């Protein structure tokens, strides 16, 4: 199961011009950190994008929010089509691939996540430190774009 949303799709909703922060930072602060803390995704300062046409990989209940100050769009799916309770995704620019690689290495080294590859995606599954388990999917789209998703799975230790 690869959670990939075209960065071009999400960035089409983003304001143009100015300096953009890394979508990885948006993903960490709005999706990943929240799910790891058993909290909802951070959407309080974002508007629901009412007429967003989301890719078929999302359920009919999924909603897009944003854009953030950096121009990113966050997608929250409370009834994902995959085995899990909720999914949060961000696509956009990659500023520092080394930061992402460092995060992956640290998660594997500290045994918080185990890593696998699925087609073009890097998939990290949380280990016994959290239940239900999380599944983080990273899809790099070329050199400067990527999609990041976190799924709260039905899996337990």
N, C-alpha and C. Protein backbone atom coordinates (compact mmCIF):
# COMPACT_ATOMS: atom_id res chain seq x y z
N UNK A 1 0.84 -1.18 0.00
CA UNK A 1 0.00 0.00 0.00
C UNK A 1 0.88 1.24 0.00
N UNK A 2 0.87 1.94 -1.06
CA UNK A 2 1.65 3.17 -1.16
C UNK A 2 0.69 4.34 -1.14
N UNK A 3 0.92 5.27 -0.24
CA UNK A 3 0.09 6.47 -0.14
C UNK A 3 0.81 7.57 -0.89
N UNK A 4 0.41 7.80 -2.10
CA UNK A 4 1.07 8.84 -2.88
C UNK A 4 0.04 9.79 -3.43
N UNK A 5 0.27 11.03 -3.22
CA UNK A 5 -0.55 12.08 -3.79
C UNK A 5 0.39 12.92 -4.62
N UNK A 6 0.01 13.23 -5.80
CA UNK A 6 0.88 14.02 -6.65
C UNK A 6 1.17 15.37 -6.01
N UNK A 7 2.43 15.68 -5.89
CA UNK A 7 2.80 16.99 -5.35
C UNK A 7 2.25 18.09 -6.22
N UNK A 8 2.15 17.83 -7.51
CA UNK A 8 1.60 18.84 -8.42
C UNK A 8 0.15 19.13 -8.08
N UNK A 9 -0.61 18.11 -7.71
CA UNK A 9 -2.02 18.31 -7.33
C UNK A 9 -2.12 19.25 -6.14
N UNK A 10 -1.39 18.96 -5.10
CA UNK A 10 -1.51 19.76 -3.90
C UNK A 10 -0.92 21.15 -4.08
N UNK A 11 0.15 21.24 -4.82
CA UNK A 11 0.78 22.54 -4.99
C UNK A 11 -0.03 23.46 -5.90
N UNK A 12 -0.95 22.88 -6.70
CA UNK A 12 -1.80 23.70 -7.54
C UNK A 12 -2.71 24.58 -6.69
N UNK A 13 -3.01 24.13 -5.47
CA UNK A 13 -3.85 24.90 -4.56
C UNK A 13 -3.05 25.91 -3.75
N UNK A 14 -1.74 25.83 -3.83
CA UNK A 14 -0.88 26.67 -2.99
C UNK A 14 -0.61 28.01 -3.66
N UNK A 15 -0.43 29.05 -2.85
CA UNK A 15 -0.10 30.35 -3.42
C UNK A 15 1.28 30.30 -4.05
N UNK A 16 1.44 31.02 -5.13
CA UNK A 16 2.73 31.03 -5.85
C UNK A 16 3.58 32.20 -5.36
N UNK A 17 4.90 32.04 -5.52
CA UNK A 17 5.82 33.11 -5.17
C UNK A 17 6.28 32.99 -3.74
N UNK A 18 7.35 33.70 -3.41
CA UNK A 18 7.87 33.68 -2.05
C UNK A 18 8.67 32.42 -1.79
N UNK A 19 9.26 32.34 -0.63
CA UNK A 19 10.07 31.21 -0.24
C UNK A 19 9.19 30.19 0.46
N UNK A 20 9.30 28.94 0.03
CA UNK A 20 8.50 27.87 0.63
C UNK A 20 9.35 27.09 1.61
N UNK A 21 8.75 26.74 2.72
CA UNK A 21 9.40 25.83 3.65
C UNK A 21 9.22 24.42 3.12
N UNK A 22 9.88 23.49 3.70
CA UNK A 22 9.84 22.11 3.31
C UNK A 22 8.52 21.47 3.74
N UNK A 23 7.88 20.74 2.83
CA UNK A 23 6.64 20.03 3.16
C UNK A 23 6.88 18.97 4.23
N UNK A 24 8.12 18.48 4.33
CA UNK A 24 8.47 17.52 5.38
C UNK A 24 8.23 18.14 6.75
N UNK A 25 8.61 19.40 6.92
CA UNK A 25 8.39 20.09 8.20
C UNK A 25 6.89 20.25 8.48
N UNK A 26 6.12 20.57 7.45
CA UNK A 26 4.67 20.68 7.61
C UNK A 26 4.10 19.33 8.03
N UNK A 27 4.55 18.26 7.37
CA UNK A 27 4.07 16.91 7.70
C UNK A 27 4.41 16.55 9.14
N UNK A 28 5.65 16.79 9.54
CA UNK A 28 6.04 16.45 10.91
C UNK A 28 5.20 17.21 11.93
N UNK A 29 5.04 18.50 11.77
CA UNK A 29 4.37 19.31 12.79
C UNK A 29 2.86 19.15 12.78
N UNK A 30 2.27 18.89 11.64
CA UNK A 30 0.81 18.85 11.56
C UNK A 30 0.23 17.43 11.58
N UNK A 31 1.00 16.45 11.15
CA UNK A 31 0.50 15.08 11.05
C UNK A 31 1.25 14.11 11.98
N UNK A 32 2.52 13.93 11.72
CA UNK A 32 3.28 12.89 12.41
C UNK A 32 3.38 13.11 13.91
N UNK A 33 3.82 14.29 14.33
CA UNK A 33 3.94 14.56 15.77
C UNK A 33 2.59 14.39 16.48
N UNK A 34 1.53 14.84 15.82
CA UNK A 34 0.18 14.72 16.42
C UNK A 34 -0.23 13.27 16.55
N UNK A 35 -0.05 12.47 15.52
CA UNK A 35 -0.45 11.06 15.59
C UNK A 35 0.38 10.32 16.63
N UNK A 36 1.68 10.63 16.70
CA UNK A 36 2.53 9.98 17.71
C UNK A 36 2.11 10.34 19.13
N UNK A 37 1.45 11.48 19.30
CA UNK A 37 0.99 11.93 20.62
C UNK A 37 -0.49 11.60 20.84
N UNK A 38 -1.05 10.74 19.98
CA UNK A 38 -2.47 10.34 20.07
C UNK A 38 -3.41 11.54 19.98
N UNK A 39 -3.03 12.52 19.19
CA UNK A 39 -3.81 13.74 19.04
C UNK A 39 -4.29 13.86 17.60
N UNK A 40 -5.29 14.71 17.39
CA UNK A 40 -5.72 14.95 16.01
C UNK A 40 -4.68 15.75 15.24
N UNK A 41 -4.74 15.67 13.93
CA UNK A 41 -3.86 16.47 13.09
C UNK A 41 -4.10 17.95 13.41
N UNK A 42 -3.05 18.75 13.27
CA UNK A 42 -3.12 20.17 13.60
C UNK A 42 -3.68 20.94 12.39
N UNK A 43 -4.96 21.30 12.48
CA UNK A 43 -5.64 21.97 11.38
C UNK A 43 -6.32 23.26 11.80
N UNK A 44 -6.19 23.63 13.06
CA UNK A 44 -6.98 24.73 13.63
C UNK A 44 -6.83 26.05 12.88
N UNK A 45 -5.67 26.31 12.30
CA UNK A 45 -5.48 27.58 11.60
C UNK A 45 -5.66 27.46 10.08
N UNK A 46 -6.16 26.31 9.64
CA UNK A 46 -6.34 26.08 8.20
C UNK A 46 -7.81 26.04 7.84
N UNK A 47 -8.11 26.48 6.64
CA UNK A 47 -9.48 26.43 6.14
C UNK A 47 -9.70 25.15 5.36
N UNK A 48 -10.91 24.63 5.43
CA UNK A 48 -11.30 23.49 4.63
C UNK A 48 -11.40 23.96 3.19
N UNK A 49 -10.77 23.24 2.28
CA UNK A 49 -10.85 23.56 0.86
C UNK A 49 -12.04 22.79 0.31
N UNK A 50 -13.17 23.44 0.30
CA UNK A 50 -14.46 22.79 0.06
C UNK A 50 -14.54 22.03 -1.26
N UNK A 51 -14.00 22.58 -2.32
CA UNK A 51 -14.17 21.95 -3.63
C UNK A 51 -12.90 21.26 -4.14
N UNK A 52 -12.05 20.85 -3.24
CA UNK A 52 -10.83 20.15 -3.64
C UNK A 52 -11.21 18.80 -4.25
N UNK A 53 -10.65 18.49 -5.37
CA UNK A 53 -10.86 17.19 -6.00
C UNK A 53 -9.67 16.32 -5.65
N UNK A 54 -9.89 15.44 -4.70
CA UNK A 54 -8.80 14.60 -4.20
C UNK A 54 -8.64 13.36 -5.06
N UNK A 55 -7.42 12.84 -5.15
CA UNK A 55 -7.18 11.60 -5.91
C UNK A 55 -7.99 10.44 -5.35
N UNK A 56 -8.20 9.42 -6.17
CA UNK A 56 -9.00 8.25 -5.81
C UNK A 56 -8.45 7.46 -4.63
N UNK A 57 -7.19 7.69 -4.26
CA UNK A 57 -6.62 6.93 -3.14
C UNK A 57 -7.23 7.33 -1.80
N UNK A 58 -7.98 8.44 -1.78
CA UNK A 58 -8.62 8.90 -0.55
C UNK A 58 -10.10 8.53 -0.56
N UNK A 59 -10.66 8.32 0.63
CA UNK A 59 -12.07 8.00 0.73
C UNK A 59 -12.92 9.24 0.46
N UNK A 60 -14.21 9.04 0.32
CA UNK A 60 -15.13 10.16 0.08
C UNK A 60 -15.19 11.09 1.28
N UNK A 61 -14.73 10.63 2.44
CA UNK A 61 -14.75 11.44 3.67
C UNK A 61 -13.51 12.31 3.84
N UNK A 62 -12.51 12.13 2.98
CA UNK A 62 -11.26 12.89 3.09
C UNK A 62 -11.52 14.36 2.78
N UNK A 63 -10.74 15.21 3.45
CA UNK A 63 -10.85 16.65 3.23
C UNK A 63 -9.46 17.26 3.16
N UNK A 64 -9.37 18.28 2.32
CA UNK A 64 -8.12 19.03 2.18
C UNK A 64 -8.24 20.32 2.97
N UNK A 65 -7.14 20.71 3.62
CA UNK A 65 -7.10 21.94 4.43
C UNK A 65 -5.88 22.75 4.03
N UNK A 66 -6.04 24.06 4.06
CA UNK A 66 -4.89 24.90 3.77
C UNK A 66 -5.30 26.08 2.92
N UNK A 67 -4.34 26.64 2.26
CA UNK A 67 -2.92 26.31 2.37
C UNK A 67 -2.31 26.86 3.65
N UNK A 68 -1.21 26.24 4.08
CA UNK A 68 -0.48 26.74 5.23
C UNK A 68 0.24 28.02 4.81
N UNK A 69 0.86 28.69 5.75
CA UNK A 69 1.64 29.89 5.43
C UNK A 69 2.74 29.58 4.42
N UNK A 70 3.20 28.32 4.42
CA UNK A 70 4.24 27.89 3.50
C UNK A 70 3.68 27.47 2.16
N UNK A 71 2.34 27.39 2.05
CA UNK A 71 1.71 26.99 0.80
C UNK A 71 1.35 25.53 0.71
N UNK A 72 1.56 24.76 1.77
CA UNK A 72 1.25 23.33 1.73
C UNK A 72 -0.23 23.09 1.99
N UNK A 73 -0.72 21.96 1.50
CA UNK A 73 -2.09 21.52 1.74
C UNK A 73 -2.01 20.21 2.52
N UNK A 74 -2.82 20.11 3.56
CA UNK A 74 -2.86 18.92 4.41
C UNK A 74 -4.16 18.18 4.09
N UNK A 75 -4.06 16.87 3.88
CA UNK A 75 -5.25 16.05 3.63
C UNK A 75 -5.45 15.14 4.83
N UNK A 76 -6.65 15.17 5.36
CA UNK A 76 -7.01 14.31 6.48
C UNK A 76 -8.11 13.38 6.02
N UNK A 77 -7.91 12.09 6.20
CA UNK A 77 -8.90 11.08 5.81
C UNK A 77 -9.29 10.28 7.04
N UNK A 78 -10.49 10.53 7.59
CA UNK A 78 -10.91 9.83 8.80
C UNK A 78 -11.40 8.40 8.53
N UNK A 79 -11.54 8.02 7.28
CA UNK A 79 -11.99 6.67 6.92
C UNK A 79 -11.18 6.18 5.72
N UNK A 80 -9.86 6.00 5.91
CA UNK A 80 -9.01 5.65 4.77
C UNK A 80 -9.43 4.35 4.10
N UNK A 81 -9.10 4.24 2.84
CA UNK A 81 -9.41 3.03 2.08
C UNK A 81 -8.45 1.90 2.43
N UNK A 82 -7.47 2.20 3.27
CA UNK A 82 -6.49 1.20 3.70
C UNK A 82 -6.84 0.75 5.11
N UNK A 83 -6.17 -0.27 5.60
CA UNK A 83 -6.47 -0.81 6.94
C UNK A 83 -5.98 0.14 8.02
N UNK A 84 -6.85 1.02 8.45
CA UNK A 84 -6.49 1.95 9.49
C UNK A 84 -7.64 2.87 9.83
N UNK A 85 -7.47 3.61 10.93
CA UNK A 85 -8.52 4.49 11.42
C UNK A 85 -8.48 5.89 10.84
N UNK A 86 -7.29 6.41 10.58
CA UNK A 86 -7.19 7.78 10.06
C UNK A 86 -5.86 7.94 9.37
N UNK A 87 -5.83 8.87 8.42
CA UNK A 87 -4.64 9.11 7.63
C UNK A 87 -4.46 10.61 7.47
N UNK A 88 -3.22 11.06 7.52
CA UNK A 88 -2.89 12.47 7.31
C UNK A 88 -1.76 12.52 6.29
N UNK A 89 -1.87 13.40 5.31
CA UNK A 89 -0.90 13.43 4.23
C UNK A 89 -0.57 14.87 3.83
N UNK A 90 0.68 15.08 3.43
CA UNK A 90 1.14 16.37 2.91
C UNK A 90 2.04 16.08 1.72
N UNK A 91 1.88 16.85 0.65
CA UNK A 91 2.78 16.77 -0.50
C UNK A 91 3.35 18.14 -0.77
N UNK A 92 4.55 18.18 -1.29
CA UNK A 92 5.12 19.48 -1.62
C UNK A 92 6.61 19.43 -1.86
N UNK A 93 7.22 20.59 -1.72
CA UNK A 93 8.65 20.76 -2.00
C UNK A 93 9.52 20.07 -0.96
N UNK A 94 10.65 19.56 -1.42
CA UNK A 94 11.69 19.03 -0.54
C UNK A 94 12.83 20.03 -0.56
N UNK A 95 13.18 20.54 0.60
CA UNK A 95 14.30 21.46 0.69
C UNK A 95 15.57 20.71 1.05
N UNK A 96 15.48 19.73 1.95
CA UNK A 96 16.67 19.05 2.45
C UNK A 96 16.41 17.55 2.56
N UNK A 97 16.81 16.79 1.53
CA UNK A 97 16.64 15.34 1.57
C UNK A 97 17.45 14.71 2.70
N UNK A 98 18.56 15.35 3.06
CA UNK A 98 19.39 14.83 4.15
C UNK A 98 18.65 14.82 5.47
N UNK A 99 17.79 15.80 5.69
CA UNK A 99 17.00 15.84 6.93
C UNK A 99 16.06 14.64 7.01
N UNK A 100 15.45 14.30 5.90
CA UNK A 100 14.54 13.15 5.86
C UNK A 100 15.33 11.86 6.09
N UNK A 101 16.46 11.71 5.41
CA UNK A 101 17.29 10.52 5.58
C UNK A 101 17.78 10.39 7.01
N UNK A 102 18.14 11.52 7.62
CA UNK A 102 18.58 11.50 9.02
C UNK A 102 17.47 11.08 9.96
N UNK A 103 16.25 11.56 9.71
CA UNK A 103 15.11 11.17 10.54
C UNK A 103 14.86 9.68 10.42
N UNK A 104 14.88 9.15 9.19
CA UNK A 104 14.66 7.71 8.98
C UNK A 104 15.72 6.91 9.73
N UNK A 105 16.98 7.27 9.57
CA UNK A 105 18.08 6.55 10.22
C UNK A 105 17.92 6.57 11.74
N UNK A 106 17.56 7.72 12.29
CA UNK A 106 17.39 7.83 13.75
C UNK A 106 16.23 6.95 14.24
N UNK A 107 15.15 6.89 13.48
CA UNK A 107 14.00 6.07 13.89
C UNK A 107 14.33 4.59 13.88
N UNK A 108 15.07 4.16 12.87
CA UNK A 108 15.47 2.75 12.77
C UNK A 108 16.50 2.43 13.85
N UNK A 109 17.48 3.32 14.03
CA UNK A 109 18.55 3.10 15.01
C UNK A 109 17.99 3.00 16.44
N UNK A 110 17.00 3.82 16.76
CA UNK A 110 16.43 3.80 18.12
C UNK A 110 15.29 2.80 18.26
N UNK A 111 15.07 2.02 17.20
CA UNK A 111 14.07 0.95 17.18
C UNK A 111 12.65 1.46 17.44
N UNK A 112 12.37 2.68 16.98
CA UNK A 112 11.00 3.19 17.02
C UNK A 112 10.22 2.70 15.80
N UNK A 113 10.90 2.60 14.68
CA UNK A 113 10.28 2.16 13.43
C UNK A 113 11.18 1.15 12.75
N UNK A 114 10.56 0.27 11.94
CA UNK A 114 11.32 -0.59 11.05
C UNK A 114 11.01 -0.13 9.63
N UNK A 115 12.00 -0.26 8.76
CA UNK A 115 11.88 0.28 7.41
C UNK A 115 11.71 -0.82 6.39
N UNK A 116 10.91 -0.53 5.36
CA UNK A 116 10.74 -1.42 4.22
C UNK A 116 10.61 -0.56 2.98
N UNK A 117 10.70 -1.18 1.84
CA UNK A 117 10.47 -0.48 0.56
C UNK A 117 9.25 -1.12 -0.09
N UNK A 118 8.40 -0.29 -0.66
CA UNK A 118 7.27 -0.76 -1.45
C UNK A 118 7.27 0.04 -2.74
N UNK A 119 7.58 -0.60 -3.82
CA UNK A 119 7.70 0.08 -5.11
C UNK A 119 8.58 1.32 -4.97
N UNK A 120 8.04 2.50 -5.14
CA UNK A 120 8.85 3.72 -5.08
C UNK A 120 8.80 4.39 -3.71
N UNK A 121 8.20 3.73 -2.74
CA UNK A 121 8.01 4.35 -1.43
C UNK A 121 8.94 3.75 -0.38
N UNK A 122 9.29 4.59 0.59
CA UNK A 122 9.93 4.12 1.81
C UNK A 122 8.83 4.06 2.86
N UNK A 123 8.68 2.91 3.49
CA UNK A 123 7.61 2.70 4.46
C UNK A 123 8.22 2.37 5.80
N UNK A 124 7.80 3.09 6.83
CA UNK A 124 8.26 2.82 8.19
C UNK A 124 7.05 2.40 9.03
N UNK A 125 7.18 1.26 9.69
CA UNK A 125 6.13 0.78 10.58
C UNK A 125 6.61 0.91 12.01
N UNK A 126 5.78 1.52 12.86
CA UNK A 126 6.19 1.70 14.25
C UNK A 126 6.28 0.35 14.94
N UNK A 127 7.14 0.30 15.93
CA UNK A 127 7.31 -0.93 16.70
C UNK A 127 6.48 -0.85 17.97
N UNK A 128 6.85 -1.53 19.00
CA UNK A 128 6.01 -1.71 20.17
C UNK A 128 5.83 -0.49 21.06
N UNK A 129 6.44 0.64 20.76
CA UNK A 129 6.35 1.83 21.61
C UNK A 129 5.00 2.52 21.52
N UNK A 130 4.19 2.18 20.53
CA UNK A 130 2.91 2.86 20.36
C UNK A 130 1.86 1.88 19.83
N UNK A 131 0.66 2.00 20.35
CA UNK A 131 -0.49 1.25 19.85
C UNK A 131 -1.68 2.18 19.76
N UNK A 132 -2.45 2.09 18.70
CA UNK A 132 -2.20 1.25 17.53
C UNK A 132 -0.95 1.72 16.78
N UNK A 133 -0.42 0.80 16.02
CA UNK A 133 0.82 1.10 15.31
C UNK A 133 0.60 2.11 14.18
N UNK A 134 1.65 2.84 13.90
CA UNK A 134 1.63 3.84 12.83
C UNK A 134 2.40 3.32 11.62
N UNK A 135 1.99 3.78 10.47
CA UNK A 135 2.67 3.45 9.21
C UNK A 135 2.97 4.77 8.51
N UNK A 136 4.24 5.08 8.37
CA UNK A 136 4.68 6.32 7.73
C UNK A 136 5.19 5.97 6.33
N UNK A 137 4.65 6.65 5.34
CA UNK A 137 5.04 6.40 3.96
C UNK A 137 5.63 7.66 3.36
N UNK A 138 6.79 7.52 2.75
CA UNK A 138 7.50 8.63 2.13
C UNK A 138 7.73 8.29 0.67
N UNK A 139 7.21 9.12 -0.22
CA UNK A 139 7.40 8.93 -1.65
C UNK A 139 8.08 10.18 -2.19
N UNK A 140 9.29 10.01 -2.68
CA UNK A 140 10.01 11.13 -3.27
C UNK A 140 9.66 11.18 -4.75
N UNK A 141 9.19 12.32 -5.19
CA UNK A 141 8.76 12.51 -6.58
C UNK A 141 9.78 13.39 -7.28
N UNK A 142 10.80 12.77 -7.84
CA UNK A 142 11.87 13.54 -8.44
C UNK A 142 12.81 14.04 -7.36
N UNK A 143 13.56 15.07 -7.68
CA UNK A 143 14.58 15.59 -6.76
C UNK A 143 14.00 16.57 -5.74
N UNK A 144 12.96 17.30 -6.11
CA UNK A 144 12.52 18.41 -5.27
C UNK A 144 11.08 18.32 -4.78
N UNK A 145 10.44 17.15 -4.85
CA UNK A 145 9.06 17.04 -4.37
C UNK A 145 8.86 15.69 -3.70
N UNK A 146 7.89 15.65 -2.80
CA UNK A 146 7.61 14.41 -2.10
C UNK A 146 6.23 14.41 -1.48
N UNK A 147 5.77 13.22 -1.13
CA UNK A 147 4.50 13.03 -0.45
C UNK A 147 4.77 12.24 0.82
N UNK A 148 4.20 12.70 1.92
CA UNK A 148 4.40 12.06 3.21
C UNK A 148 3.03 11.75 3.80
N UNK A 149 2.86 10.52 4.30
CA UNK A 149 1.59 10.13 4.89
C UNK A 149 1.84 9.36 6.17
N UNK A 150 0.92 9.52 7.12
CA UNK A 150 0.95 8.69 8.32
C UNK A 150 -0.44 8.08 8.47
N UNK A 151 -0.48 6.78 8.68
CA UNK A 151 -1.71 6.03 8.84
C UNK A 151 -1.73 5.41 10.22
N UNK A 152 -2.80 5.64 10.95
CA UNK A 152 -3.00 4.94 12.22
C UNK A 152 -3.63 3.61 11.86
N UNK A 153 -2.88 2.52 12.03
CA UNK A 153 -3.32 1.21 11.57
C UNK A 153 -4.19 0.53 12.62
N UNK A 154 -4.69 -0.64 12.24
CA UNK A 154 -5.43 -1.49 13.17
C UNK A 154 -4.49 -2.43 13.93
N UNK A 155 -3.20 -2.39 13.60
CA UNK A 155 -2.24 -3.33 14.16
C UNK A 155 -1.88 -2.98 15.60
N UNK A 156 -1.71 -4.00 16.40
CA UNK A 156 -1.25 -3.85 17.77
C UNK A 156 -0.05 -4.75 17.98
N UNK A 157 0.65 -4.56 19.09
CA UNK A 157 1.84 -5.36 19.39
C UNK A 157 1.50 -6.81 19.60
